[in-house]
PDB file of N, CA and C in Angstrom:
ATOM      1  N   MET A   1      30.006 -91.077  53.749  1.00  0.00           N
ATOM      2  CA  MET A   1      28.709 -91.449  53.238  1.00  0.00           C
ATOM      3  C   MET A   1      28.882 -92.502  52.147  1.00  0.00           C
ATOM      4  N   PHE A   2      29.489 -92.124  51.048  1.00  0.00           N
ATOM      5  CA  PHE A   2      29.800 -93.073  49.994  1.00  0.00           C
ATOM      6  C   PHE A   2      31.281 -93.370  50.098  1.00  0.00           C
ATOM      7  N   ASP A   3      31.620 -94.613  50.175  1.00  0.00           N
ATOM      8  CA  ASP A   3      33.022 -94.984  50.309  1.00  0.00           C
ATOM      9  C   ASP A   3      33.625 -95.134  48.917  1.00  0.00           C
ATOM     10  N   ILE A   4      33.877 -93.981  48.262  1.00  0.00           N
ATOM     11  CA  ILE A   4      34.423 -93.973  46.911  1.00  0.00           C
ATOM     12  C   ILE A   4      35.865 -93.490  46.983  1.00  0.00           C
ATOM     13  N   GLY A   5      36.747 -94.290  46.469  1.00  0.00           N
ATOM     14  CA  GLY A   5      38.146 -93.911  46.433  1.00  0.00           C
ATOM     15  C   GLY A   5      38.452 -93.063  45.208  1.00  0.00           C
ATOM     16  N   SER A   6      39.687 -92.602  45.113  1.00  0.00           N
ATOM     17  CA  SER A   6      40.055 -91.741  43.991  1.00  0.00           C
ATOM     18  C   SER A   6      40.027 -92.499  42.663  1.00  0.00           C
ATOM     19  N   GLY A   7      40.340 -93.785  42.674  1.00  0.00           N
ATOM     20  CA  GLY A   7      40.300 -94.577  41.444  1.00  0.00           C
ATOM     21  C   GLY A   7      38.878 -94.720  40.911  1.00  0.00           C
ATOM     22  N   GLU A   8      37.943 -95.003  41.819  1.00  0.00           N
ATOM     23  CA  GLU A   8      36.544 -95.130  41.391  1.00  0.00           C
ATOM     24  C   GLU A   8      35.996 -93.798  40.896  1.00  0.00           C
ATOM     25  N   LEU A   9      36.364 -92.716  41.573  1.00  0.00           N
ATOM     26  CA  LEU A   9      35.901 -91.390  41.170  1.00  0.00           C
ATOM     27  C   LEU A   9      36.433 -91.043  39.781  1.00  0.00           C
ATOM     28  N   LEU A  10      37.676 -91.345  39.527  1.00  0.00           N
ATOM     29  CA  LEU A  10      38.259 -91.092  38.210  1.00  0.00           C
ATOM     30  C   LEU A  10      37.545 -91.908  37.129  1.00  0.00           C
ATOM     31  N   LEU A  11      37.245 -93.165  37.426  1.00  0.00           N
ATOM     32  CA  LEU A  11      36.521 -94.013  36.476  1.00  0.00           C
ATOM     33  C   LEU A  11      35.128 -93.452  36.197  1.00  0.00           C
ATOM     34  N   ILE A  12      34.432 -92.996  37.216  1.00  0.00           N
ATOM     35  CA  ILE A  12      33.096 -92.412  37.037  1.00  0.00           C
ATOM     36  C   ILE A  12      33.180 -91.166  36.168  1.00  0.00           C
ATOM     37  N   LEU A  13      34.167 -90.325  36.395  1.00  0.00           N
ATOM     38  CA  LEU A  13      34.322 -89.107  35.606  1.00  0.00           C
ATOM     39  C   LEU A  13      34.634 -89.416  34.137  1.00  0.00           C
ATOM     40  N   VAL A  14      35.463 -90.417  33.898  1.00  0.00           N
ATOM     41  CA  VAL A  14      35.795 -90.807  32.522  1.00  0.00           C
ATOM     42  C   VAL A  14      34.551 -91.340  31.811  1.00  0.00           C
ATOM     43  N   VAL A  15      33.767 -92.178  32.498  1.00  0.00           N
ATOM     44  CA  VAL A  15      32.546 -92.718  31.898  1.00  0.00           C
ATOM     45  C   VAL A  15      31.555 -91.583  31.617  1.00  0.00           C
ATOM     46  N   ALA A  16      31.419 -90.648  32.543  1.00  0.00           N
ATOM     47  CA  ALA A  16      30.516 -89.513  32.334  1.00  0.00           C
ATOM     48  C   ALA A  16      30.971 -88.678  31.141  1.00  0.00           C
ATOM     49  N   LEU A  17      32.276 -88.479  31.015  1.00  0.00           N
ATOM     50  CA  LEU A  17      32.798 -87.713  29.887  1.00  0.00           C
ATOM     51  C   LEU A  17      32.545 -88.436  28.566  1.00  0.00           C
ATOM     52  N   LEU A  18      32.672 -89.749  28.562  1.00  0.00           N
ATOM     53  CA  LEU A  18      32.404 -90.513  27.346  1.00  0.00           C
ATOM     54  C   LEU A  18      30.919 -90.485  26.972  1.00  0.00           C
ATOM     55  N   LEU A  19      30.058 -90.564  27.980  1.00  0.00           N
ATOM     56  CA  LEU A  19      28.620 -90.583  27.713  1.00  0.00           C
ATOM     57  C   LEU A  19      28.087 -89.224  27.266  1.00  0.00           C
ATOM     58  N   PHE A  20      28.513 -88.175  27.951  1.00  0.00           N
ATOM     59  CA  PHE A  20      27.924 -86.865  27.706  1.00  0.00           C
ATOM     60  C   PHE A  20      28.801 -85.945  26.883  1.00  0.00           C
ATOM     61  N   GLY A  21      30.075 -86.210  26.800  1.00  0.00           N
ATOM     62  CA  GLY A  21      30.983 -85.422  25.971  1.00  0.00           C
ATOM     63  C   GLY A  21      30.950 -83.947  26.314  1.00  0.00           C
ATOM     64  N   GLY A  22      30.757 -83.117  25.301  1.00  0.00           N
ATOM     65  CA  GLY A  22      30.758 -81.673  25.504  1.00  0.00           C
ATOM     66  C   GLY A  22      29.521 -81.163  26.211  1.00  0.00           C
ATOM     67  N   ARG A  23      28.499 -82.007  26.342  1.00  0.00           N
ATOM     68  CA  ARG A  23      27.276 -81.579  27.018  1.00  0.00           C
ATOM     69  C   ARG A  23      27.388 -81.710  28.524  1.00  0.00           C
ATOM     70  N   LEU A  24      28.511 -82.188  29.040  1.00  0.00           N
ATOM     71  CA  LEU A  24      28.651 -82.434  30.471  1.00  0.00           C
ATOM     72  C   LEU A  24      28.381 -81.186  31.313  1.00  0.00           C
ATOM     73  N   PRO A  25      28.881 -79.996  30.961  1.00  0.00           N
ATOM     74  CA  PRO A  25      28.549 -78.814  31.769  1.00  0.00           C
ATOM     75  C   PRO A  25      27.049 -78.515  31.782  1.00  0.00           C
ATOM     76  N   ASP A  26      26.377 -78.703  30.645  1.00  0.00           N
ATOM     77  CA  ASP A  26      24.933 -78.467  30.597  1.00  0.00           C
ATOM     78  C   ASP A  26      24.186 -79.486  31.456  1.00  0.00           C
ATOM     79  N   VAL A  27      24.612 -80.725  31.386  1.00  0.00           N
ATOM     80  CA  VAL A  27      23.976 -81.771  32.183  1.00  0.00           C
ATOM     81  C   VAL A  27      24.154 -81.470  33.674  1.00  0.00           C
ATOM     82  N   ALA A  28      25.350 -81.089  34.075  1.00  0.00           N
ATOM     83  CA  ALA A  28      25.615 -80.772  35.480  1.00  0.00           C
ATOM     84  C   ALA A  28      24.801 -79.555  35.922  1.00  0.00           C
ATOM     85  N   ARG A  29      24.703 -78.541  35.067  1.00  0.00           N
ATOM     86  CA  ARG A  29      23.933 -77.341  35.401  1.00  0.00           C
ATOM     87  C   ARG A  29      22.455 -77.688  35.584  1.00  0.00           C
ATOM     88  N   ASN A  30      21.915 -78.494  34.664  1.00  0.00           N
ATOM     89  CA  ASN A  30      20.512 -78.888  34.765  1.00  0.00           C
ATOM     90  C   ASN A  30      20.249 -79.749  35.999  1.00  0.00           C
ATOM     91  N   MET A  31      21.185 -80.609  36.335  1.00  0.00           N
ATOM     92  CA  MET A  31      21.026 -81.414  37.542  1.00  0.00           C
ATOM     93  C   MET A  31      21.040 -80.529  38.786  1.00  0.00           C
ATOM     94  N   GLY A  32      21.897 -79.523  38.802  1.00  0.00           N
ATOM     95  CA  GLY A  32      21.941 -78.594  39.933  1.00  0.00           C
ATOM     96  C   GLY A  32      20.656 -77.798  40.065  1.00  0.00           C
ATOM     97  N   LYS A  33      20.122 -77.338  38.938  1.00  0.00           N
ATOM     98  CA  LYS A  33      18.851 -76.604  38.973  1.00  0.00           C
ATOM     99  C   LYS A  33      17.721 -77.503  39.459  1.00  0.00           C
ATOM    100  N   SER A  34      17.710 -78.732  38.985  1.00  0.00           N
ATOM    101  CA  SER A  34      16.663 -79.667  39.403  1.00  0.00           C
ATOM    102  C   SER A  34      16.740 -79.950  40.896  1.00  0.00           C
ATOM    103  N   LEU A  35      17.940 -80.126  41.398  1.00  0.00           N
ATOM    104  CA  LEU A  35      18.110 -80.375  42.825  1.00  0.00           C
ATOM    105  C   LEU A  35      17.660 -79.161  43.637  1.00  0.00           C
ATOM    106  N   GLY A  36      17.993 -77.955  43.174  1.00  0.00           N
ATOM    107  CA  GLY A  36      17.550 -76.742  43.857  1.00  0.00           C
ATOM    108  C   GLY A  36      16.037 -76.611  43.853  1.00  0.00           C
ATOM    109  N   ASP A  37      15.402 -76.910  42.713  1.00  0.00           N
ATOM    110  CA  ASP A  37      13.941 -76.867  42.637  1.00  0.00           C
ATOM    111  C   ASP A  37      13.313 -77.889  43.577  1.00  0.00           C
ATOM    112  N   PHE A  38      13.896 -79.069  43.654  1.00  0.00           N
ATOM    113  CA  PHE A  38      13.386 -80.110  44.538  1.00  0.00           C
ATOM    114  C   PHE A  38      13.464 -79.667  45.995  1.00  0.00           C
ATOM    115  N   LYS A  39      14.606 -79.107  46.395  1.00  0.00           N
ATOM    116  CA  LYS A  39      14.761 -78.651  47.775  1.00  0.00           C
ATOM    117  C   LYS A  39      13.795 -77.510  48.088  1.00  0.00           C
ATOM    118  N   ARG A  40      13.616 -76.599  47.133  1.00  0.00           N
ATOM    119  CA  ARG A  40      12.695 -75.482  47.325  1.00  0.00           C
ATOM    120  C   ARG A  40      11.266 -75.987  47.479  1.00  0.00           C
ATOM    121  N   GLY A  41      10.871 -76.941  46.642  1.00  0.00           N
ATOM    122  CA  GLY A  41       9.532 -77.517  46.732  1.00  0.00           C
ATOM    123  C   GLY A  41       9.323 -78.265  48.033  1.00  0.00           C
ATOM    124  N   LEU A  42      10.336 -78.975  48.479  1.00  0.00           N
ATOM    125  CA  LEU A  42      10.244 -79.698  49.736  1.00  0.00           C
ATOM    126  C   LEU A  42      10.082 -78.725  50.895  1.00  0.00           C
ATOM    127  N   SER A  43      10.815 -77.621  50.852  1.00  0.00           N
ATOM    128  CA  SER A  43      10.716 -76.609  51.898  1.00  0.00           C
ATOM    129  C   SER A  43       9.332 -75.969  51.904  1.00  0.00           C
ATOM    130  N   GLU A  44       8.793 -75.676  50.725  1.00  0.00           N
ATOM    131  CA  GLU A  44       7.464 -75.082  50.644  1.00  0.00           C
ATOM    132  C   GLU A  44       6.393 -76.067  51.105  1.00  0.00           C
ATOM    133  N   GLY A  45       6.619 -77.340  50.911  1.00  0.00           N
ATOM    134  CA  GLY A  45       5.657 -78.348  51.337  1.00  0.00           C
ATOM    135  C   GLY A  45       5.611 -78.525  52.840  1.00  0.00           C
ATOM    136  N   THR A  46       6.721 -78.295  53.523  1.00  0.00           N
ATOM    137  CA  THR A  46       6.742 -78.462  54.975  1.00  0.00           C
ATOM    138  C   THR A  46       6.395 -77.171  55.714  1.00  0.00           C
ATOM    139  N   ARG A  47       6.294 -76.060  55.005  1.00  0.00           N
ATOM    140  CA  ARG A  47       5.990 -74.779  55.654  1.00  0.00           C
ATOM    141  C   ARG A  47       4.664 -74.802  56.421  1.00  0.00           C
ATOM    142  N   PRO A  48       3.564 -75.340  55.860  1.00  0.00           N
ATOM    143  CA  PRO A  48       2.314 -75.360  56.636  1.00  0.00           C
ATOM    144  C   PRO A  48       2.434 -76.149  57.940  1.00  0.00           C
ATOM    145  N   LEU A  49       3.204 -77.224  57.935  1.00  0.00           N
ATOM    146  CA  LEU A  49       3.395 -77.990  59.164  1.00  0.00           C
ATOM    147  C   LEU A  49       4.171 -77.195  60.203  1.00  0.00           C
ATOM    148  N   ARG A  50       5.218 -76.491  59.762  1.00  0.00           N
ATOM    149  CA  ARG A  50       5.983 -75.674  60.698  1.00  0.00           C
ATOM    150  C   ARG A  50       5.140 -74.539  61.254  1.00  0.00           C
ATOM    151  N   ASP A  51       4.324 -73.910  60.392  1.00  0.00           N
ATOM    152  CA  ASP A  51       3.459 -72.826  60.850  1.00  0.00           C
ATOM    153  C   ASP A  51       2.432 -73.321  61.859  1.00  0.00           C
ATOM    154  N   ALA A  52       1.842 -74.486  61.604  1.00  0.00           N
ATOM    155  CA  ALA A  52       0.866 -75.048  62.535  1.00  0.00           C
ATOM    156  C   ALA A  52       1.525 -75.385  63.870  1.00  0.00           C
ATOM    157  N   GLY A  53       2.730 -75.924  63.818  1.00  0.00           N
ATOM    158  CA  GLY A  53       3.456 -76.227  65.051  1.00  0.00           C
ATOM    159  C   GLY A  53       3.769 -74.976  65.846  1.00  0.00           C
ATOM    160  N   ALA A  54       4.149 -73.908  65.152  1.00  0.00           N
ATOM    161  CA  ALA A  54       4.437 -72.647  65.838  1.00  0.00           C
ATOM    162  C   ALA A  54       3.171 -72.076  66.463  1.00  0.00           C
ATOM    163  N   GLN A  55       2.038 -72.197  65.778  1.00  0.00           N
ATOM    164  CA  GLN A  55       0.771 -71.703  66.323  1.00  0.00           C
ATOM    165  C   GLN A  55       0.390 -72.487  67.578  1.00  0.00           C
ATOM    166  N   ILE A  56       0.577 -73.796  67.543  1.00  0.00           N
ATOM    167  CA  ILE A  56       0.280 -74.610  68.725  1.00  0.00           C
ATOM    168  C   ILE A  56       1.194 -74.222  69.874  1.00  0.00           C
ATOM    169  N   ASP A  57       2.463 -73.996  69.590  1.00  0.00           N
ATOM    170  CA  ASP A  57       3.395 -73.574  70.635  1.00  0.00           C
ATOM    171  C   ASP A  57       2.966 -72.251  71.262  1.00  0.00           C
ATOM    172  N   ARG A  58       2.520 -71.295  70.411  1.00  0.00           N
ATOM    173  CA  ARG A  58       2.051 -70.004  70.944  1.00  0.00           C
ATOM    174  C   ARG A  58       0.826 -70.182  71.838  1.00  0.00           C
ATOM    175  N   GLU A  59      -0.108 -71.046  71.413  1.00  0.00           N
ATOM    176  CA  GLU A  59      -1.309 -71.277  72.205  1.00  0.00           C
ATOM    177  C   GLU A  59      -0.969 -71.935  73.536  1.00  0.00           C
ATOM    178  N   ILE A  60      -0.010 -72.840  73.535  1.00  0.00           N
ATOM    179  CA  ILE A  60       0.407 -73.482  74.784  1.00  0.00           C
ATOM    180  C   ILE A  60       1.028 -72.450  75.722  1.00  0.00           C
ATOM    181  N   GLU A  61       1.851 -71.557  75.186  1.00  0.00           N
ATOM    182  CA  GLU A  61       2.469 -70.527  76.017  1.00  0.00           C
ATOM    183  C   GLU A  61       1.425 -69.584  76.594  1.00  0.00           C
ATOM    184  N   GLU A  62       0.396 -69.248  75.801  1.00  0.00           N
ATOM    185  CA  GLU A  62      -0.618 -68.304  76.259  1.00  0.00           C
ATOM    186  C   GLU A  62      -1.565 -68.923  77.281  1.00  0.00           C
ATOM    187  N   THR A  63      -2.017 -70.145  77.038  1.00  0.00           N
ATOM    188  CA  THR A  63      -3.038 -70.751  77.896  1.00  0.00           C
ATOM    189  C   THR A  63      -2.476 -71.743  78.899  1.00  0.00           C
ATOM    190  N   GLY A  64      -1.307 -72.253  78.666  1.00  0.00           N
ATOM    191  CA  GLY A  64      -0.717 -73.245  79.556  1.00  0.00           C
ATOM    192  C   GLY A  64      -1.160 -74.666  79.265  1.00  0.00           C
ATOM    193  N   LYS A  65      -2.020 -74.849  78.251  1.00  0.00           N
ATOM    194  CA  LYS A  65      -2.440 -76.197  77.882  1.00  0.00           C
ATOM    195  C   LYS A  65      -2.589 -76.274  76.367  1.00  0.00           C
ATOM    196  N   PRO A  66      -2.478 -77.470  75.801  1.00  0.00           N
ATOM    197  CA  PRO A  66      -2.596 -77.590  74.342  1.00  0.00           C
ATOM    198  C   PRO A  66      -4.027 -77.317  73.883  1.00  0.00           C
ATOM    199  N   PRO A  67      -4.189 -76.868  72.645  1.00  0.00           N
ATOM    200  CA  PRO A  67      -5.537 -76.603  72.140  1.00  0.00           C
ATOM    201  C   PRO A  67      -6.318 -77.898  71.950  1.00  0.00           C
ATOM    202  N   ALA A  68      -7.632 -77.769  72.012  1.00  0.00           N
ATOM    203  CA  ALA A  68      -8.487 -78.938  71.797  1.00  0.00           C
ATOM    204  C   ALA A  68      -8.414 -79.333  70.328  1.00  0.00           C
ATOM    205  N   PRO A  69      -8.460 -80.626  70.040  1.00  0.00           N
ATOM    206  CA  PRO A  69      -8.431 -81.044  68.629  1.00  0.00           C
ATOM    207  C   PRO A  69      -9.711 -80.619  67.928  1.00  0.00           C
ATOM    208  N   PRO A  70      -9.661 -80.407  66.626  1.00  0.00           N
ATOM    209  CA  PRO A  70     -10.863 -80.029  65.892  1.00  0.00           C
ATOM    210  C   PRO A  70     -11.867 -81.186  65.893  1.00  0.00           C
ATOM    211  N   PRO A  71     -13.157 -80.885  65.775  1.00  0.00           N
ATOM    212  CA  PRO A  71     -14.143 -81.972  65.771  1.00  0.00           C
ATOM    213  C   PRO A  71     -13.977 -82.838  64.516  1.00  0.00           C
ATOM    214  N   ARG A  72     -14.235 -84.112  64.693  1.00  0.00           N
ATOM    215  CA  ARG A  72     -14.095 -85.048  63.574  1.00  0.00           C
ATOM    216  C   ARG A  72     -15.367 -85.063  62.770  1.00  0.00           C
ATOM    217  N   ALA A  73     -15.231 -85.173  61.475  1.00  0.00           N
ATOM    218  CA  ALA A  73     -16.376 -85.274  60.587  1.00  0.00           C
ATOM    219  C   ALA A  73     -16.970 -86.667  60.683  1.00  0.00           C
ATOM    220  N   PRO A  74     -18.302 -86.760  60.574  1.00  0.00           N
ATOM    221  CA  PRO A  74     -18.906 -88.105  60.622  1.00  0.00           C
ATOM    222  C   PRO A  74     -18.498 -88.905  59.398  1.00  0.00           C
ATOM    223  N   PRO A  75     -18.417 -90.210  59.527  1.00  0.00           N
ATOM    224  CA  PRO A  75     -18.013 -91.041  58.375  1.00  0.00           C
ATOM    225  C   PRO A  75     -19.035 -90.913  57.238  1.00  0.00           C
ATOM    226  N   ALA A  76     -18.515 -90.908  56.048  1.00  0.00           N
ATOM    227  CA  ALA A  76     -19.376 -90.791  54.871  1.00  0.00           C
ATOM    228  C   ALA A  76     -20.018 -92.147  54.579  1.00  0.00           C
ATOM    229  N   GLY A  77     -21.267 -92.094  54.150  1.00  0.00           N
ATOM    230  CA  GLY A  77     -21.858 -93.333  53.688  1.00  0.00           C
ATOM    231  C   GLY A  77     -23.089 -93.652  54.334  1.00  0.00           C
TER     232      GLY A  77
END
């Protein structure tokens, strides 16, 4: 994915250590928590789409044809 060699990785780690010093474990922990929260939120955001898809699949299996689309609302104005 990222073509980073061992020399570049060592340089990145040294720069991170210089920038963050003793706070580096806290920074890494907070970044991990943030990434976990982001993934959890993304998963919760796609759940309604997956549920709707599963419902459509069940209706297709039961009736043999896809459900009719909901009626469209008239344009406002």
